[in-house]
Amino acid sequence: MGNVTAMMHAATSDEVLKNSFANYAFEHFEAAAYTSLIAMAEAAGDQRHIPLLQQTLQEEEEFGKFCQTQIIPTTRKYMQLSASGQTAKV
């Protein structure tokens, strides 16, 4: 999904920003999916898979936080490059 999104943004001048936003959103999507899987496992009485699902959920949430921390520096760098006539292509 990330590769498709990146291809869609490739033609835009702000693809770096759009890819950052998409990565951040996708991490939240994945966290929501693992939250749902945990609820399904609990409802089905499947205790065996819950710890691994919780671990993966935690990893997705941590990477989502990391993605968030990159938005401001990426935006500032994009603005700096744009102001100097350079591009911020991937």
PDB file of N, CA and C in Angstrom:
ATOM      1  N   MET A   1       0.821  -1.186   0.000  1.00  0.00           N
ATOM      2  CA  MET A   1       0.000   0.000   0.000  1.00  0.00           C
ATOM      3  C   MET A   1       0.867   1.251   0.000  1.00  0.00           C
ATOM      4  N   GLY A   2       1.952   1.208   0.748  1.00  0.00           N
ATOM      5  CA  GLY A   2       2.867   2.344   0.791  1.00  0.00           C
ATOM      6  C   GLY A   2       3.502   2.628  -0.551  1.00  0.00           C
ATOM      7  N   ASN A   3       3.866   1.565  -1.277  1.00  0.00           N
ATOM      8  CA  ASN A   3       4.473   1.747  -2.593  1.00  0.00           C
ATOM      9  C   ASN A   3       3.496   2.379  -3.574  1.00  0.00           C
ATOM     10  N   VAL A   4       2.252   1.958  -3.535  1.00  0.00           N
ATOM     11  CA  VAL A   4       1.231   2.519  -4.423  1.00  0.00           C
ATOM     12  C   VAL A   4       1.020   3.990  -4.106  1.00  0.00           C
ATOM     13  N   THR A   5       0.935   4.304  -2.838  1.00  0.00           N
ATOM     14  CA  THR A   5       0.756   5.694  -2.421  1.00  0.00           C
ATOM     15  C   THR A   5       1.934   6.541  -2.886  1.00  0.00           C
ATOM     16  N   ALA A   6       3.139   6.027  -2.721  1.00  0.00           N
ATOM     17  CA  ALA A   6       4.335   6.766  -3.137  1.00  0.00           C
ATOM     18  C   ALA A   6       4.324   7.001  -4.643  1.00  0.00           C
ATOM     19  N   MET A   7       3.893   6.025  -5.412  1.00  0.00           N
ATOM     20  CA  MET A   7       3.810   6.205  -6.866  1.00  0.00           C
ATOM     21  C   MET A   7       2.805   7.291  -7.225  1.00  0.00           C
ATOM     22  N   MET A   8       1.699   7.344  -6.506  1.00  0.00           N
ATOM     23  CA  MET A   8       0.683   8.368  -6.772  1.00  0.00           C
ATOM     24  C   MET A   8       1.222   9.765  -6.460  1.00  0.00           C
ATOM     25  N   HIS A   9       2.082   9.870  -5.478  1.00  0.00           N
ATOM     26  CA  HIS A   9       2.610  11.172  -5.071  1.00  0.00           C
ATOM     27  C   HIS A   9       3.831  11.587  -5.879  1.00  0.00           C
ATOM     28  N   ALA A  10       4.422  10.668  -6.621  1.00  0.00           N
ATOM     29  CA  ALA A  10       5.676  10.931  -7.323  1.00  0.00           C
ATOM     30  C   ALA A  10       5.589  12.117  -8.278  1.00  0.00           C
ATOM     31  N   ALA A  11       4.438  12.355  -8.848  1.00  0.00           N
ATOM     32  CA  ALA A  11       4.285  13.438  -9.820  1.00  0.00           C
ATOM     33  C   ALA A  11       4.082  14.801  -9.165  1.00  0.00           C
ATOM     34  N   THR A  12       3.939  14.838  -7.869  1.00  0.00           N
ATOM     35  CA  THR A  12       3.671  16.101  -7.187  1.00  0.00           C
ATOM     36  C   THR A  12       4.961  16.722  -6.668  1.00  0.00           C
ATOM     37  N   SER A  13       4.974  18.023  -6.551  1.00  0.00           N
ATOM     38  CA  SER A  13       6.182  18.706  -6.062  1.00  0.00           C
ATOM     39  C   SER A  13       6.395  18.496  -4.567  1.00  0.00           C
ATOM     40  N   ASP A  14       5.320  18.147  -3.859  1.00  0.00           N
ATOM     41  CA  ASP A  14       5.427  17.947  -2.410  1.00  0.00           C
ATOM     42  C   ASP A  14       5.281  16.474  -2.034  1.00  0.00           C
ATOM     43  N   GLU A  15       5.816  15.602  -2.880  1.00  0.00           N
ATOM     44  CA  GLU A  15       5.664  14.171  -2.632  1.00  0.00           C
ATOM     45  C   GLU A  15       6.258  13.740  -1.289  1.00  0.00           C
ATOM     46  N   VAL A  16       7.321  14.396  -0.859  1.00  0.00           N
ATOM     47  CA  VAL A  16       7.947  14.039   0.419  1.00  0.00           C
ATOM     48  C   VAL A  16       6.962  14.268   1.562  1.00  0.00           C
ATOM     49  N   LEU A  17       6.262  15.390   1.520  1.00  0.00           N
ATOM     50  CA  LEU A  17       5.275  15.664   2.562  1.00  0.00           C
ATOM     51  C   LEU A  17       4.116  14.681   2.486  1.00  0.00           C
ATOM     52  N   LYS A  18       3.592  14.473   1.298  1.00  0.00           N
ATOM     53  CA  LYS A  18       2.457  13.578   1.145  1.00  0.00           C
ATOM     54  C   LYS A  18       2.807  12.154   1.556  1.00  0.00           C
ATOM     55  N   ASN A  19       4.019  11.704   1.232  1.00  0.00           N
ATOM     56  CA  ASN A  19       4.442  10.362   1.658  1.00  0.00           C
ATOM     57  C   ASN A  19       4.554  10.286   3.180  1.00  0.00           C
ATOM     58  N   SER A  20       5.021  11.366   3.801  1.00  0.00           N
ATOM     59  CA  SER A  20       5.099  11.394   5.269  1.00  0.00           C
ATOM     60  C   SER A  20       3.710  11.278   5.886  1.00  0.00           C
ATOM     61  N   PHE A  21       2.754  12.021   5.315  1.00  0.00           N
ATOM     62  CA  PHE A  21       1.380  11.966   5.824  1.00  0.00           C
ATOM     63  C   PHE A  21       0.795  10.571   5.629  1.00  0.00           C
ATOM     64  N   ALA A  22       1.048   9.991   4.473  1.00  0.00           N
ATOM     65  CA  ALA A  22       0.506   8.661   4.171  1.00  0.00           C
ATOM     66  C   ALA A  22       1.096   7.605   5.105  1.00  0.00           C
ATOM     67  N   ASN A  23       2.395   7.693   5.379  1.00  0.00           N
ATOM     68  CA  ASN A  23       3.026   6.745   6.299  1.00  0.00           C
ATOM     69  C   ASN A  23       2.422   6.860   7.692  1.00  0.00           C
ATOM     70  N   TYR A  24       2.225   8.087   8.137  1.00  0.00           N
ATOM     71  CA  TYR A  24       1.634   8.330   9.455  1.00  0.00           C
ATOM     72  C   TYR A  24       0.217   7.756   9.513  1.00  0.00           C
ATOM     73  N   ALA A  25      -0.570   8.010   8.490  1.00  0.00           N
ATOM     74  CA  ALA A  25      -1.943   7.495   8.435  1.00  0.00           C
ATOM     75  C   ALA A  25      -1.960   5.971   8.366  1.00  0.00           C
ATOM     76  N   PHE A  26      -1.058   5.399   7.574  1.00  0.00           N
ATOM     77  CA  PHE A  26      -1.041   3.947   7.427  1.00  0.00           C
ATOM     78  C   PHE A  26      -0.691   3.257   8.737  1.00  0.00           C
ATOM     79  N   GLU A  27       0.197   3.844   9.524  1.00  0.00           N
ATOM     80  CA  GLU A  27       0.525   3.257  10.829  1.00  0.00           C
ATOM     81  C   GLU A  27      -0.703   3.247  11.728  1.00  0.00           C
ATOM     82  N   HIS A  28      -1.512   4.275  11.660  1.00  0.00           N
ATOM     83  CA  HIS A  28      -2.751   4.292  12.441  1.00  0.00           C
ATOM     84  C   HIS A  28      -3.744   3.249  11.924  1.00  0.00           C
ATOM     85  N   PHE A  29      -3.786   3.078  10.628  1.00  0.00           N
ATOM     86  CA  PHE A  29      -4.636   2.043  10.035  1.00  0.00           C
ATOM     87  C   PHE A  29      -4.215   0.666  10.542  1.00  0.00           C
ATOM     88  N   GLU A  30      -2.914   0.408  10.519  1.00  0.00           N
ATOM     89  CA  GLU A  30      -2.420  -0.888  10.989  1.00  0.00           C
ATOM     90  C   GLU A  30      -2.699  -1.083  12.479  1.00  0.00           C
ATOM     91  N   ALA A  31      -2.518  -0.034  13.273  1.00  0.00           N
ATOM     92  CA  ALA A  31      -2.804  -0.133  14.707  1.00  0.00           C
ATOM     93  C   ALA A  31      -4.278  -0.454  14.925  1.00  0.00           C
ATOM     94  N   ALA A  32      -5.149   0.175  14.158  1.00  0.00           N
ATOM     95  CA  ALA A  32      -6.583  -0.117  14.270  1.00  0.00           C
ATOM     96  C   ALA A  32      -6.879  -1.561  13.890  1.00  0.00           C
ATOM     97  N   ALA A  33      -6.204  -2.057  12.857  1.00  0.00           N
ATOM     98  CA  ALA A  33      -6.414  -3.442  12.426  1.00  0.00           C
ATOM     99  C   ALA A  33      -5.983  -4.420  13.524  1.00  0.00           C
ATOM    100  N   TYR A  34      -4.829  -4.169  14.149  1.00  0.00           N
ATOM    101  CA  TYR A  34      -4.379  -5.068  15.214  1.00  0.00           C
ATOM    102  C   TYR A  34      -5.271  -4.962  16.447  1.00  0.00           C
ATOM    103  N   THR A  35      -5.787  -3.782  16.728  1.00  0.00           N
ATOM    104  CA  THR A  35      -6.736  -3.626  17.827  1.00  0.00           C
ATOM    105  C   THR A  35      -7.978  -4.472  17.565  1.00  0.00           C
ATOM    106  N   SER A  36      -8.441  -4.454  16.337  1.00  0.00           N
ATOM    107  CA  SER A  36      -9.602  -5.258  15.949  1.00  0.00           C
ATOM    108  C   SER A  36      -9.293  -6.749  16.043  1.00  0.00           C
ATOM    109  N   LEU A  37      -8.116  -7.151  15.583  1.00  0.00           N
ATOM    110  CA  LEU A  37      -7.728  -8.570  15.658  1.00  0.00           C
ATOM    111  C   LEU A  37      -7.658  -9.047  17.108  1.00  0.00           C
ATOM    112  N   ILE A  38      -7.165  -8.188  17.986  1.00  0.00           N
ATOM    113  CA  ILE A  38      -7.115  -8.541  19.409  1.00  0.00           C
ATOM    114  C   ILE A  38      -8.529  -8.746  19.944  1.00  0.00           C
ATOM    115  N   ALA A  39      -9.439  -7.854  19.585  1.00  0.00           N
ATOM    116  CA  ALA A  39     -10.833  -7.991  20.028  1.00  0.00           C
ATOM    117  C   ALA A  39     -11.443  -9.286  19.499  1.00  0.00           C
ATOM    118  N   MET A  40     -11.133  -9.630  18.256  1.00  0.00           N
ATOM    119  CA  MET A  40     -11.650 -10.881  17.683  1.00  0.00           C
ATOM    120  C   MET A  40     -11.082 -12.093  18.401  1.00  0.00           C
ATOM    121  N   ALA A  41      -9.786 -12.057  18.673  1.00  0.00           N
ATOM    122  CA  ALA A  41      -9.153 -13.174  19.378  1.00  0.00           C
ATOM    123  C   ALA A  41      -9.746 -13.332  20.773  1.00  0.00           C
ATOM    124  N   GLU A  42      -9.957 -12.217  21.457  1.00  0.00           N
ATOM    125  CA  GLU A  42     -10.562 -12.271  22.786  1.00  0.00           C
ATOM    126  C   GLU A  42     -11.971 -12.852  22.718  1.00  0.00           C
ATOM    127  N   ALA A  43     -12.748 -12.396  21.751  1.00  0.00           N
ATOM    128  CA  ALA A  43     -14.133 -12.882  21.611  1.00  0.00           C
ATOM    129  C   ALA A  43     -14.177 -14.365  21.268  1.00  0.00           C
ATOM    130  N   ALA A  44     -13.161 -14.832  20.547  1.00  0.00           N
ATOM    131  CA  ALA A  44     -13.109 -16.241  20.152  1.00  0.00           C
ATOM    132  C   ALA A  44     -12.448 -17.109  21.225  1.00  0.00           C
ATOM    133  N   GLY A  45     -11.955 -16.484  22.270  1.00  0.00           N
ATOM    134  CA  GLY A  45     -11.285 -17.241  23.325  1.00  0.00           C
ATOM    135  C   GLY A  45      -9.895 -17.708  22.922  1.00  0.00           C
ATOM    136  N   ASP A  46      -9.301 -17.061  21.946  1.00  0.00           N
ATOM    137  CA  ASP A  46      -7.969 -17.434  21.437  1.00  0.00           C
ATOM    138  C   ASP A  46      -6.895 -16.664  22.199  1.00  0.00           C
ATOM    139  N   GLN A  47      -6.533 -17.152  23.350  1.00  0.00           N
ATOM    140  CA  GLN A  47      -5.543 -16.488  24.194  1.00  0.00           C
ATOM    141  C   GLN A  47      -4.118 -16.660  23.658  1.00  0.00           C
ATOM    142  N   ARG A  48      -3.912 -17.664  22.839  1.00  0.00           N
ATOM    143  CA  ARG A  48      -2.568 -17.992  22.354  1.00  0.00           C
ATOM    144  C   ARG A  48      -1.981 -16.891  21.469  1.00  0.00           C
ATOM    145  N   HIS A  49      -2.805 -16.259  20.650  1.00  0.00           N
ATOM    146  CA  HIS A  49      -2.285 -15.281  19.697  1.00  0.00           C
ATOM    147  C   HIS A  49      -2.306 -13.838  20.217  1.00  0.00           C
ATOM    148  N   ILE A  50      -2.991 -13.608  21.300  1.00  0.00           N
ATOM    149  CA  ILE A  50      -3.136 -12.238  21.806  1.00  0.00           C
ATOM    150  C   ILE A  50      -1.794 -11.586  22.151  1.00  0.00           C
ATOM    151  N   PRO A  51      -0.873 -12.249  22.833  1.00  0.00           N
ATOM    152  CA  PRO A  51       0.397 -11.574  23.146  1.00  0.00           C
ATOM    153  C   PRO A  51       1.167 -11.117  21.896  1.00  0.00           C
ATOM    154  N   LEU A  52       1.195 -11.926  20.865  1.00  0.00           N
ATOM    155  CA  LEU A  52       1.888 -11.528  19.637  1.00  0.00           C
ATOM    156  C   LEU A  52       1.165 -10.361  18.960  1.00  0.00           C
ATOM    157  N   LEU A  53      -0.159 -10.408  18.948  1.00  0.00           N
ATOM    158  CA  LEU A  53      -0.926  -9.303  18.377  1.00  0.00           C
ATOM    159  C   LEU A  53      -0.697  -8.016  19.165  1.00  0.00           C
ATOM    160  N   GLN A  54      -0.638  -8.117  20.482  1.00  0.00           N
ATOM    161  CA  GLN A  54      -0.389  -6.934  21.319  1.00  0.00           C
ATOM    162  C   GLN A  54       1.018  -6.377  21.087  1.00  0.00           C
ATOM    163  N   GLN A  55       1.978  -7.271  20.917  1.00  0.00           N
ATOM    164  CA  GLN A  55       3.348  -6.837  20.640  1.00  0.00           C
ATOM    165  C   GLN A  55       3.408  -6.095  19.300  1.00  0.00           C
ATOM    166  N   THR A  56       2.752  -6.653  18.305  1.00  0.00           N
ATOM    167  CA  THR A  56       2.734  -6.011  16.993  1.00  0.00           C
ATOM    168  C   THR A  56       1.998  -4.679  17.051  1.00  0.00           C
ATOM    169  N   LEU A  57       0.902  -4.627  17.791  1.00  0.00           N
ATOM    170  CA  LEU A  57       0.176  -3.367  17.972  1.00  0.00           C
ATOM    171  C   LEU A  57       1.088  -2.313  18.590  1.00  0.00           C
ATOM    172  N   GLN A  58       1.826  -2.698  19.610  1.00  0.00           N
ATOM    173  CA  GLN A  58       2.742  -1.761  20.260  1.00  0.00           C
ATOM    174  C   GLN A  58       3.796  -1.262  19.273  1.00  0.00           C
ATOM    175  N   GLU A  59       4.321  -2.146  18.431  1.00  0.00           N
ATOM    176  CA  GLU A  59       5.308  -1.752  17.436  1.00  0.00           C
ATOM    177  C   GLU A  59       4.714  -0.758  16.436  1.00  0.00           C
ATOM    178  N   GLU A  60       3.489  -1.009  16.005  1.00  0.00           N
ATOM    179  CA  GLU A  60       2.822  -0.103  15.068  1.00  0.00           C
ATOM    180  C   GLU A  60       2.596   1.260  15.712  1.00  0.00           C
ATOM    181  N   GLU A  61       2.179   1.262  16.976  1.00  0.00           N
ATOM    182  CA  GLU A  61       1.959   2.530  17.678  1.00  0.00           C
ATOM    183  C   GLU A  61       3.265   3.300  17.847  1.00  0.00           C
ATOM    184  N   GLU A  62       4.354   2.591  18.155  1.00  0.00           N
ATOM    185  CA  GLU A  62       5.659   3.242  18.306  1.00  0.00           C
ATOM    186  C   GLU A  62       6.124   3.833  16.984  1.00  0.00           C
ATOM    187  N   PHE A  63       5.938   3.086  15.894  1.00  0.00           N
ATOM    188  CA  PHE A  63       6.361   3.618  14.604  1.00  0.00           C
ATOM    189  C   PHE A  63       5.464   4.780  14.187  1.00  0.00           C
ATOM    190  N   GLY A  64       4.190   4.727  14.541  1.00  0.00           N
ATOM    191  CA  GLY A  64       3.295   5.851  14.280  1.00  0.00           C
ATOM    192  C   GLY A  64       3.773   7.103  14.994  1.00  0.00           C
ATOM    193  N   LYS A  65       4.224   6.944  16.238  1.00  0.00           N
ATOM    194  CA  LYS A  65       4.760   8.088  16.989  1.00  0.00           C
ATOM    195  C   LYS A  65       6.026   8.623  16.324  1.00  0.00           C
ATOM    196  N   PHE A  66       6.865   7.696  15.859  1.00  0.00           N
ATOM    197  CA  PHE A  66       8.078   8.109  15.152  1.00  0.00           C
ATOM    198  C   PHE A  66       7.717   8.902  13.891  1.00  0.00           C
ATOM    199  N   CYS A  67       6.761   8.387  13.124  1.00  0.00           N
ATOM    200  CA  CYS A  67       6.320   9.088  11.906  1.00  0.00           C
ATOM    201  C   CYS A  67       5.841  10.491  12.239  1.00  0.00           C
ATOM    202  N   GLN A  68       5.127  10.616  13.345  1.00  0.00           N
ATOM    203  CA  GLN A  68       4.633  11.928  13.757  1.00  0.00           C
ATOM    204  C   GLN A  68       5.788  12.876  14.062  1.00  0.00           C
ATOM    205  N   THR A  69       6.829  12.367  14.711  1.00  0.00           N
ATOM    206  CA  THR A  69       7.967  13.226  15.061  1.00  0.00           C
ATOM    207  C   THR A  69       8.716  13.711  13.822  1.00  0.00           C
ATOM    208  N   GLN A  70       8.528  13.042  12.699  1.00  0.00           N
ATOM    209  CA  GLN A  70       9.230  13.420  11.474  1.00  0.00           C
ATOM    210  C   GLN A  70       8.474  14.445  10.631  1.00  0.00           C
ATOM    211  N   ILE A  71       7.216  14.687  10.937  1.00  0.00           N
ATOM    212  CA  ILE A  71       6.406  15.591  10.109  1.00  0.00           C
ATOM    213  C   ILE A  71       6.954  17.022  10.136  1.00  0.00           C
ATOM    214  N   ILE A  72       7.227  17.552  11.304  1.00  0.00           N
ATOM    215  CA  ILE A  72       7.706  18.940  11.384  1.00  0.00           C
ATOM    216  C   ILE A  72       9.089  19.087  10.747  1.00  0.00           C
ATOM    217  N   PRO A  73      10.081  18.247  11.083  1.00  0.00           N
ATOM    218  CA  PRO A  73      11.382  18.411  10.428  1.00  0.00           C
ATOM    219  C   PRO A  73      11.308  18.222   8.906  1.00  0.00           C
ATOM    220  N   THR A  74      10.480  17.287   8.466  1.00  0.00           N
ATOM    221  CA  THR A  74      10.337  17.063   7.026  1.00  0.00           C
ATOM    222  C   THR A  74       9.694  18.270   6.362  1.00  0.00           C
ATOM    223  N   THR A  75       8.688  18.836   7.012  1.00  0.00           N
ATOM    224  CA  THR A  75       8.023  20.031   6.477  1.00  0.00           C
ATOM    225  C   THR A  75       9.000  21.192   6.401  1.00  0.00           C
ATOM    226  N   ARG A  76       9.768  21.393   7.443  1.00  0.00           N
ATOM    227  CA  ARG A  76      10.733  22.504   7.454  1.00  0.00           C
ATOM    228  C   ARG A  76      11.798  22.333   6.374  1.00  0.00           C
ATOM    229  N   LYS A  77      12.291  21.106   6.237  1.00  0.00           N
ATOM    230  CA  LYS A  77      13.298  20.840   5.199  1.00  0.00           C
ATOM    231  C   LYS A  77      12.706  21.051   3.813  1.00  0.00           C
ATOM    232  N   TYR A  78      11.469  20.601   3.613  1.00  0.00           N
ATOM    233  CA  TYR A  78      10.792  20.803   2.330  1.00  0.00           C
ATOM    234  C   TYR A  78      10.678  22.295   2.023  1.00  0.00           C
ATOM    235  N   MET A  79      10.262  23.074   3.020  1.00  0.00           N
ATOM    236  CA  MET A  79      10.113  24.510   2.827  1.00  0.00           C
ATOM    237  C   MET A  79      11.453  25.174   2.514  1.00  0.00           C
ATOM    238  N   GLN A  80      12.502  24.738   3.200  1.00  0.00           N
ATOM    239  CA  GLN A  80      13.839  25.279   2.980  1.00  0.00           C
ATOM    240  C   GLN A  80      14.298  24.991   1.549  1.00  0.00           C
ATOM    241  N   LEU A  81      14.133  23.750   1.122  1.00  0.00           N
ATOM    242  CA  LEU A  81      14.541  23.386  -0.234  1.00  0.00           C
ATOM    243  C   LEU A  81      13.701  24.118  -1.275  1.00  0.00           C
ATOM    244  N   SER A  82      12.406  24.198  -1.053  1.00  0.00           N
ATOM    245  CA  SER A  82      11.517  24.881  -1.998  1.00  0.00           C
ATOM    246  C   SER A  82      11.869  26.363  -2.115  1.00  0.00           C
ATOM    247  N   ALA A  83      12.171  26.997  -0.985  1.00  0.00           N
ATOM    248  CA  ALA A  83      12.498  28.420  -0.999  1.00  0.00           C
ATOM    249  C   ALA A  83      13.799  28.704  -1.769  1.00  0.00           C
ATOM    250  N   SER A  84      14.679  27.707  -1.805  1.00  0.00           N
ATOM    251  CA  SER A  84      15.951  27.893  -2.511  1.00  0.00           C
ATOM    252  C   SER A  84      15.893  27.366  -3.950  1.00  0.00           C
ATOM    253  N   GLY A  85      14.686  26.963  -4.374  1.00  0.00           N
ATOM    254  CA  GLY A  85      14.519  26.496  -5.749  1.00  0.00           C
ATOM    255  C   GLY A  85      14.886  25.033  -5.965  1.00  0.00           C
ATOM    256  N   GLN A  86      15.175  24.327  -4.897  1.00  0.00           N
ATOM    257  CA  GLN A  86      15.515  22.907  -5.009  1.00  0.00           C
ATOM    258  C   GLN A  86      14.262  22.064  -4.846  1.00  0.00           C
ATOM    259  N   THR A  87      14.400  20.809  -5.199  1.00  0.00           N
ATOM    260  CA  THR A  87      13.270  19.903  -5.005  1.00  0.00           C
ATOM    261  C   THR A  87      13.573  18.940  -3.863  1.00  0.00           C
ATOM    262  N   ALA A  88      12.520  18.438  -3.295  1.00  0.00           N
ATOM    263  CA  ALA A  88      12.647  17.481  -2.181  1.00  0.00           C
ATOM    264  C   ALA A  88      12.065  16.144  -2.639  1.00  0.00           C
ATOM    265  N   LYS A  89      12.624  15.596  -3.680  1.00  0.00           N
ATOM    266  CA  LYS A  89      12.131  14.338  -4.225  1.00  0.00           C
ATOM    267  C   LYS A  89      12.719  13.172  -3.453  1.00  0.00           C
ATOM    268  N   VAL A  90      11.987  12.073  -3.481  1.00  0.00           N
ATOM    269  CA  VAL A  90      12.429  10.859  -2.797  1.00  0.00           C
ATOM    270  C   VAL A  90      13.500  10.190  -3.628  1.00  0.00           C
TER     271      VAL A  90
END
